[in-house]
Amino acid sequence: MLIGGILIVRKLRRLNLVATFVGVALVTILATAEPAQYGDVLKETLGSSPLLFFAFVMLTEPLTAPTTRWPRIAFAAIIGFLFAPNIHIGSFYFTPELALLAGNLFAYSVGPKGRFVLTLERIEQTAANSYDFIFRSSGKLAFQAGQYLEWTLGFDRSDNRGNRRYFTVASSPTEQSVRLGVRLYPQSSAFKQALGSMKPGATIHASQLAGDFTLPSDPSIKIAFLAGGIGITPFRSMLQYLIDREEVRPIVVLYGTESQDDIAYRDVLGCARRELGVRTFHAVAKGAVRGQYPGYIDARLVRLTMPDYLERTFYISGPQAMVKALRQKLLAMGVSRSKIKVDYFPGFA
């Protein structure tokens, strides 16, 4: 259980959730036990109780856990406290099942409600092998630029990855339609094959709106967007939102692609430059032209394009290997951990 649980937490990046639950549960259990029994209590709790199963399996299920950081930590703390066998109200004692039920009720109360049926209107090709699926919604979809949704498709032959995925909403909250930006490969998953075969009028279900990868509330904060490939989608949402609101912010965009054909959303990037003064610098690995950086986004490009990089908050979105590498490079350059935001959601898992 411990080995499998560690692999799950590493995959889903839910260490704060699991650590909070285990920490609160152990503290509560010890606080309600006699000091002379601490050894036996810990042995029983760690060796024979469902503590680890709850921590690694039950709490990490995306459909029930809250979708943002602090509600998620509160969710884990509530369940951890009520998980202790000596917690009771009068003669009514909580059980692990009731603790989980209480946590789920809390998650439901603070989480986004509703499941939307989205109808495909059209498909636009944004770059080589990259497409925007443009939907109209059955109801008002209230979200922040940069957040993501769980998308569910009904099809007959699913693979071992199932029929639901998490993708960023590529559209802005100011737009009427809902955009899903994806890259399709010749050997795509069953989900993407079904998505790619959709025709106008077909439907998809969306729910579980979540994500903290959003613009800061203070418009004066200096920002750097670092995107790789289809990782430009949350920045497309944010930039279109700022364009529509005519809101100027100190933003620099570094956009890395393999080739010229992989550059997506040229129209939005161009409009952001003309109307908001947002500078975009392209790092093209193969076939860079004049004015572009030959190669990948690296420390040299960061220093060249933004001498004030230590004053900026960095948003990184793209393939997981790229995100991890850039985060390490920024830390080595002296950028504070608190100033690095990484776009991660279960869809990358």
Protein backbone atom coordinates (compact mmCIF):
# COMPACT_ATOMS: atom_id res chain seq x y z
CA MET A 1 0.00 0.00 0.00
CA LEU A 2 2.82 2.38 0.87
CA ILE A 3 4.73 1.80 -2.37
CA GLY A 4 1.63 2.00 -4.56
CA GLY A 5 0.38 5.03 -2.66
CA ILE A 6 3.63 6.92 -3.13
CA LEU A 7 3.42 6.27 -6.87
CA ILE A 8 -0.17 7.59 -6.95
CA VAL A 9 0.72 10.75 -5.01
CA ARG A 10 3.76 11.35 -7.19
CA LYS A 11 1.64 10.97 -10.32
CA LEU A 12 -1.20 13.22 -9.16
CA ARG A 13 0.98 15.63 -7.14
CA ARG A 14 -1.26 15.55 -4.12
CA LEU A 15 1.42 15.44 -1.41
CA ASN A 16 -0.12 18.38 0.47
CA LEU A 17 -3.48 16.60 0.58
CA VAL A 18 -2.06 13.30 1.85
CA ALA A 19 0.39 14.90 4.29
CA THR A 20 -2.34 17.06 5.83
CA PHE A 21 -4.68 14.11 6.31
CA VAL A 22 -2.03 11.82 7.81
CA GLY A 23 -0.61 14.58 10.03
CA VAL A 24 -3.98 15.70 11.41
CA ALA A 25 -5.17 12.11 11.89
CA LEU A 26 -2.03 11.07 13.82
CA VAL A 27 -2.03 14.20 16.01
CA THR A 28 -5.73 13.72 16.83
CA ILE A 29 -5.30 10.01 17.55
CA LEU A 30 -2.37 10.66 19.89
CA ALA A 31 -4.11 13.60 21.56
CA THR A 32 -7.08 11.37 22.45
CA ALA A 33 -4.96 8.47 23.72
CA GLU A 34 -3.05 7.90 26.93
CA PRO A 35 0.69 8.72 26.65
CA ALA A 36 1.57 5.24 27.91
CA GLN A 37 -0.27 3.75 24.92
CA TYR A 38 1.39 5.84 22.19
CA GLY A 39 3.53 2.98 20.94
CA ASP A 40 0.66 0.53 20.60
CA VAL A 41 -1.62 3.20 19.13
CA LEU A 42 0.88 4.12 16.41
CA LYS A 43 1.56 0.47 15.62
CA GLU A 44 -2.16 -0.27 15.33
CA THR A 45 -2.89 2.88 13.28
CA LEU A 46 -0.06 2.46 10.77
CA GLY A 47 -0.17 -1.31 10.56
CA SER A 48 -3.80 -2.33 10.79
CA SER A 49 -6.10 0.65 10.24
CA PRO A 50 -7.29 1.95 6.83
CA LEU A 51 -5.23 5.14 7.29
CA LEU A 52 -2.93 4.57 4.32
CA PHE A 53 -5.71 3.34 2.04
CA PHE A 54 -7.76 6.44 2.84
CA ALA A 55 -4.78 8.72 2.33
CA PHE A 56 -3.56 7.32 -0.97
CA VAL A 57 -6.74 6.06 -2.66
CA MET A 58 -9.92 7.59 -1.25
CA LEU A 59 -8.70 11.17 -0.78
CA THR A 60 -6.90 11.51 -4.10
CA GLU A 61 -9.91 10.71 -6.31
CA PRO A 62 -10.32 13.85 -8.48
CA LEU A 63 -14.12 13.56 -8.62
CA THR A 64 -14.54 14.05 -4.86
CA ALA A 65 -11.57 16.14 -3.71
CA PRO A 66 -11.86 19.96 -3.88
CA THR A 67 -10.34 21.49 -6.98
CA THR A 68 -8.21 24.27 -5.45
CA ARG A 69 -5.36 24.20 -2.94
CA TRP A 70 -6.71 25.60 0.33
CA PRO A 71 -10.14 23.94 0.19
CA ARG A 72 -8.30 20.71 -0.62
CA ILE A 73 -6.13 21.08 2.49
CA ALA A 74 -9.19 21.89 4.63
CA PHE A 75 -10.91 18.81 3.16
CA ALA A 76 -7.98 16.62 4.23
CA ALA A 77 -7.84 18.19 7.70
CA ILE A 78 -11.57 17.62 8.33
CA ILE A 79 -11.36 13.96 7.35
CA GLY A 80 -8.12 13.49 9.30
CA PHE A 81 -9.66 14.92 12.47
CA LEU A 82 -12.86 12.88 12.24
CA PHE A 83 -10.90 9.75 11.26
CA ALA A 84 -9.59 9.39 14.83
CA PRO A 85 -11.56 6.59 16.56
CA ASN A 86 -12.09 8.54 19.79
CA ILE A 87 -13.79 11.56 18.19
CA HIS A 88 -17.44 11.60 19.14
CA ILE A 89 -20.47 13.81 19.75
CA GLY A 90 -22.09 12.50 22.89
CA SER A 91 -22.52 8.78 22.39
CA PHE A 92 -22.17 9.09 18.60
CA TYR A 93 -18.71 8.05 17.41
CA PHE A 94 -17.36 8.80 13.95
CA THR A 95 -16.08 6.04 11.70
CA PRO A 96 -13.69 6.41 8.73
CA GLU A 97 -16.69 6.14 6.38
CA LEU A 98 -18.53 8.96 8.16
CA ALA A 99 -15.35 11.05 8.21
CA LEU A 100 -15.09 10.67 4.44
CA LEU A 101 -18.78 11.52 4.04
CA ALA A 102 -18.32 14.71 6.08
CA GLY A 103 -15.31 15.65 3.97
CA ASN A 104 -17.22 15.03 0.74
CA LEU A 105 -20.09 17.22 1.95
CA PHE A 106 -17.56 19.99 2.61
CA ALA A 107 -16.01 19.49 -0.82
CA TYR A 108 -19.42 19.68 -2.47
CA SER A 109 -20.28 22.89 -0.59
CA VAL A 110 -17.12 24.70 -1.70
CA GLY A 111 -16.69 23.15 -5.15
CA PRO A 112 -18.06 24.18 -8.55
CA LYS A 113 -21.50 22.83 -9.31
CA GLY A 114 -22.98 21.57 -12.51
CA ARG A 115 -22.22 19.41 -15.49
CA PHE A 116 -22.42 21.11 -18.86
CA VAL A 117 -23.37 19.65 -22.19
CA LEU A 118 -21.28 21.33 -24.89
CA THR A 119 -22.26 21.12 -28.56
CA LEU A 120 -19.54 21.28 -31.20
CA GLU A 121 -19.93 24.24 -33.56
CA ARG A 122 -16.73 23.97 -35.61
CA ILE A 123 -13.08 22.91 -35.57
CA GLU A 124 -10.20 25.30 -36.32
CA GLN A 125 -6.65 24.23 -37.02
CA THR A 126 -4.31 26.45 -34.98
CA ALA A 127 -0.96 24.85 -35.84
CA ALA A 128 0.49 21.63 -37.24
CA ASN A 129 -1.50 18.80 -35.61
CA SER A 130 -3.12 21.31 -33.20
CA TYR A 131 -6.82 22.09 -33.26
CA ASP A 132 -9.39 24.17 -31.42
CA PHE A 133 -12.73 22.47 -30.87
CA ILE A 134 -15.24 25.27 -30.46
CA PHE A 135 -18.40 24.50 -28.51
CA ARG A 136 -21.53 26.28 -27.38
CA SER A 137 -22.63 25.60 -23.83
CA SER A 138 -26.01 24.49 -22.51
CA GLY A 139 -25.59 26.98 -19.64
CA LYS A 140 -23.43 29.86 -18.47
CA LEU A 141 -19.93 28.56 -17.80
CA ALA A 142 -18.32 30.87 -15.23
CA PHE A 143 -14.56 30.38 -15.00
CA GLN A 144 -11.30 32.28 -14.69
CA ALA A 145 -8.86 32.56 -17.56
CA GLY A 146 -6.34 29.73 -17.27
CA GLN A 147 -8.56 27.19 -15.50
CA TYR A 148 -9.31 23.69 -16.74
CA LEU A 149 -12.28 21.34 -17.04
CA GLU A 150 -12.82 17.62 -16.97
CA TRP A 151 -14.08 16.59 -20.42
CA THR A 152 -16.03 13.35 -20.85
CA LEU A 153 -16.80 11.65 -24.16
CA GLY A 154 -19.09 8.70 -24.73
CA PHE A 155 -17.62 6.15 -27.14
CA ASP A 156 -17.66 2.38 -27.48
CA ARG A 157 -14.04 1.31 -27.51
CA SER A 158 -12.12 2.97 -24.72
CA ASP A 159 -8.48 2.22 -23.89
CA ASN A 160 -6.94 1.87 -20.43
CA ARG A 161 -6.91 5.66 -19.99
CA GLY A 162 -10.70 5.83 -20.01
CA ASN A 163 -13.10 8.34 -21.51
CA ARG A 164 -12.41 11.48 -19.48
CA ARG A 165 -9.54 13.98 -19.62
CA TYR A 166 -8.55 17.30 -18.09
CA PHE A 167 -7.82 20.13 -20.53
CA THR A 168 -7.41 23.86 -20.14
CA VAL A 169 -10.23 26.04 -21.43
CA ALA A 170 -8.52 27.88 -24.28
CA SER A 171 -11.24 30.51 -24.58
CA SER A 172 -11.59 33.63 -22.47
CA PRO A 173 -14.46 34.12 -19.98
CA THR A 174 -15.40 37.11 -22.16
CA GLU A 175 -16.10 34.90 -25.21
CA GLN A 176 -19.44 33.28 -25.91
CA SER A 177 -18.03 29.97 -27.13
CA VAL A 178 -15.92 27.44 -25.23
CA ARG A 179 -12.62 26.43 -26.83
CA LEU A 180 -10.78 23.19 -26.25
CA GLY A 181 -7.26 23.31 -27.67
CA VAL A 182 -5.50 19.97 -28.20
CA ARG A 183 -2.75 18.41 -30.23
CA LEU A 184 -3.60 15.22 -32.11
CA TYR A 185 -1.04 12.59 -33.06
CA PRO A 186 -1.26 9.71 -35.56
CA GLN A 187 -1.17 7.22 -32.66
CA SER A 188 -3.41 9.16 -30.29
CA SER A 189 -5.34 7.70 -27.38
CA ALA A 190 -8.89 6.39 -27.91
CA PHE A 191 -10.20 9.59 -26.31
CA LYS A 192 -8.38 11.86 -28.77
CA GLN A 193 -9.33 9.66 -31.71
CA ALA A 194 -12.99 10.00 -30.69
CA LEU A 195 -12.52 13.74 -30.20
CA GLY A 196 -10.89 14.11 -33.60
CA SER A 197 -13.78 12.31 -35.29
CA MET A 198 -16.45 14.63 -33.82
CA LYS A 199 -18.70 16.46 -36.26
CA PRO A 200 -20.61 19.73 -35.73
CA GLY A 201 -23.66 18.99 -33.60
CA ALA A 202 -21.95 16.28 -31.56
CA THR A 203 -21.80 16.78 -27.79
CA ILE A 204 -19.27 16.41 -24.99
CA HIS A 205 -19.76 16.75 -21.24
CA ALA A 206 -17.70 19.15 -19.11
CA SER A 207 -17.46 19.40 -15.32
CA GLN A 208 -15.03 19.71 -12.41
CA LEU A 209 -13.91 23.27 -13.18
CA ALA A 210 -10.63 23.82 -11.35
CA GLY A 211 -7.15 25.33 -11.37
CA ASP A 212 -5.05 28.00 -9.66
CA PHE A 213 -3.07 28.82 -12.82
CA THR A 214 -4.77 32.21 -13.14
CA LEU A 215 -3.81 35.86 -13.40
CA PRO A 216 -2.80 37.59 -10.15
CA SER A 217 -5.40 39.91 -8.68
CA ASP A 218 -2.87 42.75 -8.59
CA PRO A 219 -2.55 44.08 -12.18
CA SER A 220 0.80 45.76 -11.44
CA ILE A 221 2.65 42.46 -10.84
CA LYS A 222 5.21 41.78 -13.54
CA ILE A 223 4.57 38.46 -15.29
CA ALA A 224 6.44 36.13 -17.61
CA PHE A 225 4.55 33.48 -19.59
CA LEU A 226 6.74 30.50 -20.60
CA ALA A 227 4.93 28.17 -23.00
CA GLY A 228 5.92 25.04 -24.84
CA GLY A 229 3.87 23.70 -27.76
CA ILE A 230 0.19 23.27 -26.95
CA GLY A 231 0.98 24.64 -23.47
CA ILE A 232 0.15 28.04 -24.95
CA THR A 233 -3.58 27.36 -24.41
CA PRO A 234 -3.95 28.87 -20.90
CA PHE A 235 -2.03 31.94 -22.07
CA ARG A 236 -4.33 32.27 -25.05
CA SER A 237 -7.22 32.38 -22.57
CA MET A 238 -5.52 34.99 -20.37
CA LEU A 239 -4.36 37.22 -23.23
CA GLN A 240 -7.75 37.19 -24.96
CA TYR A 241 -9.33 38.08 -21.61
CA LEU A 242 -7.01 41.07 -21.20
CA ILE A 243 -7.56 42.16 -24.82
CA ASP A 244 -11.34 42.09 -24.43
CA ARG A 245 -11.13 44.06 -21.17
CA GLU A 246 -8.52 46.45 -22.61
CA GLU A 247 -6.44 45.76 -19.51
CA VAL A 248 -2.72 46.47 -19.85
CA ARG A 249 -0.37 44.37 -17.72
CA PRO A 250 3.45 44.06 -17.70
CA ILE A 251 3.70 40.69 -19.46
CA VAL A 252 6.45 39.06 -21.51
CA VAL A 253 5.75 35.82 -23.41
CA LEU A 254 8.41 33.22 -24.26
CA TYR A 255 6.95 30.63 -26.62
CA GLY A 256 8.94 27.54 -27.52
CA THR A 257 8.09 25.28 -30.47
CA GLU A 258 9.84 22.66 -32.56
CA SER A 259 9.20 24.45 -35.88
CA GLN A 260 7.39 27.39 -37.47
CA ASP A 261 4.39 25.21 -38.21
CA ASP A 262 3.90 24.49 -34.50
CA ILE A 263 3.26 28.13 -33.55
CA ALA A 264 -0.40 28.47 -32.52
CA TYR A 265 -2.63 31.50 -31.87
CA ARG A 266 -0.57 33.91 -33.90
CA ASP A 267 -3.64 36.16 -34.17
CA VAL A 268 -4.09 36.50 -30.40
CA LEU A 269 -0.37 37.00 -29.78
CA GLY A 270 -0.25 39.68 -32.49
CA CYS A 271 -3.32 41.45 -31.13
CA ALA A 272 -1.88 41.41 -27.60
CA ARG A 273 1.30 43.05 -28.91
CA ARG A 274 -0.55 45.76 -30.84
CA GLU A 275 -3.22 46.59 -28.28
CA LEU A 276 -1.57 45.80 -24.95
CA GLY A 277 2.15 46.03 -25.66
CA VAL A 278 2.70 42.37 -24.71
CA ARG A 279 5.99 41.23 -26.22
CA THR A 280 6.27 37.65 -27.49
CA PHE A 281 9.62 36.02 -28.19
CA HIS A 282 9.65 32.78 -30.15
CA ALA A 283 12.20 30.05 -29.43
CA VAL A 284 12.15 27.74 -32.46
CA ALA A 285 14.24 24.56 -32.27
CA LYS A 286 14.32 23.90 -36.03
CA GLY A 287 14.14 26.54 -38.72
CA ALA A 288 14.24 29.74 -36.67
CA VAL A 289 14.08 32.90 -38.78
CA ARG A 290 15.34 36.38 -38.14
CA GLY A 291 13.95 37.80 -34.91
CA GLN A 292 13.46 34.35 -33.38
CA TYR A 293 15.64 32.54 -30.88
CA PRO A 294 17.22 29.37 -32.34
CA GLY A 295 16.74 26.56 -29.86
CA TYR A 296 14.68 26.04 -26.75
CA ILE A 297 13.74 28.41 -23.94
CA ASP A 298 16.72 28.63 -21.60
CA ALA A 299 18.37 30.88 -19.02
CA ARG A 300 20.09 32.95 -21.72
CA LEU A 301 16.80 33.77 -23.44
CA VAL A 302 15.21 34.73 -20.12
CA ARG A 303 18.05 37.14 -19.35
CA LEU A 304 18.04 38.59 -22.88
CA THR A 305 14.32 39.29 -23.00
CA MET A 306 13.69 40.40 -19.43
CA PRO A 307 16.61 41.90 -17.49
CA ASP A 308 14.17 42.39 -14.60
CA TYR A 309 13.37 38.67 -14.41
CA LEU A 310 13.97 38.55 -10.64
CA GLU A 311 11.02 40.94 -10.25
CA ARG A 312 8.65 38.79 -12.30
CA THR A 313 6.26 35.96 -11.50
CA PHE A 314 6.78 33.08 -13.94
CA TYR A 315 3.94 30.99 -15.34
CA ILE A 316 5.14 27.77 -17.03
CA SER A 317 2.91 25.57 -19.20
CA GLY A 318 3.80 22.78 -21.60
CA PRO A 319 5.11 19.21 -21.69
CA GLN A 320 5.92 17.95 -18.23
CA ALA A 321 9.64 17.46 -18.96
CA MET A 322 9.91 21.05 -20.23
CA VAL A 323 8.02 22.46 -17.24
CA LYS A 324 10.24 20.60 -14.79
CA ALA A 325 13.46 21.64 -16.56
CA LEU A 326 12.49 25.31 -16.79
CA ARG A 327 11.47 25.39 -13.15
CA GLN A 328 14.90 24.06 -12.14
CA LYS A 329 16.65 26.60 -14.38
CA LEU A 330 14.70 29.49 -12.90
CA LEU A 331 15.50 28.35 -9.36
CA ALA A 332 19.19 28.16 -10.30
CA MET A 333 18.94 31.72 -11.63
CA GLY A 334 17.75 32.93 -8.24
CA VAL A 335 14.03 33.14 -8.90
CA SER A 336 12.05 32.50 -5.72
CA ARG A 337 9.92 29.36 -5.54
CA SER A 338 6.94 31.51 -4.62
CA LYS A 339 7.29 33.32 -7.95
CA ILE A 340 7.04 30.19 -10.10
CA LYS A 341 3.57 28.89 -11.01
CA VAL A 342 3.33 25.60 -12.87
CA ASP A 343 0.34 24.53 -14.93
CA TYR A 344 -0.38 21.06 -13.68
CA PHE A 345 -3.60 19.07 -13.63
CA PRO A 346 -4.50 15.38 -13.82
CA GLY A 347 -4.56 15.52 -17.62
CA PHE A 348 -0.76 15.52 -17.60
CA ALA A 349 -0.69 12.34 -15.54
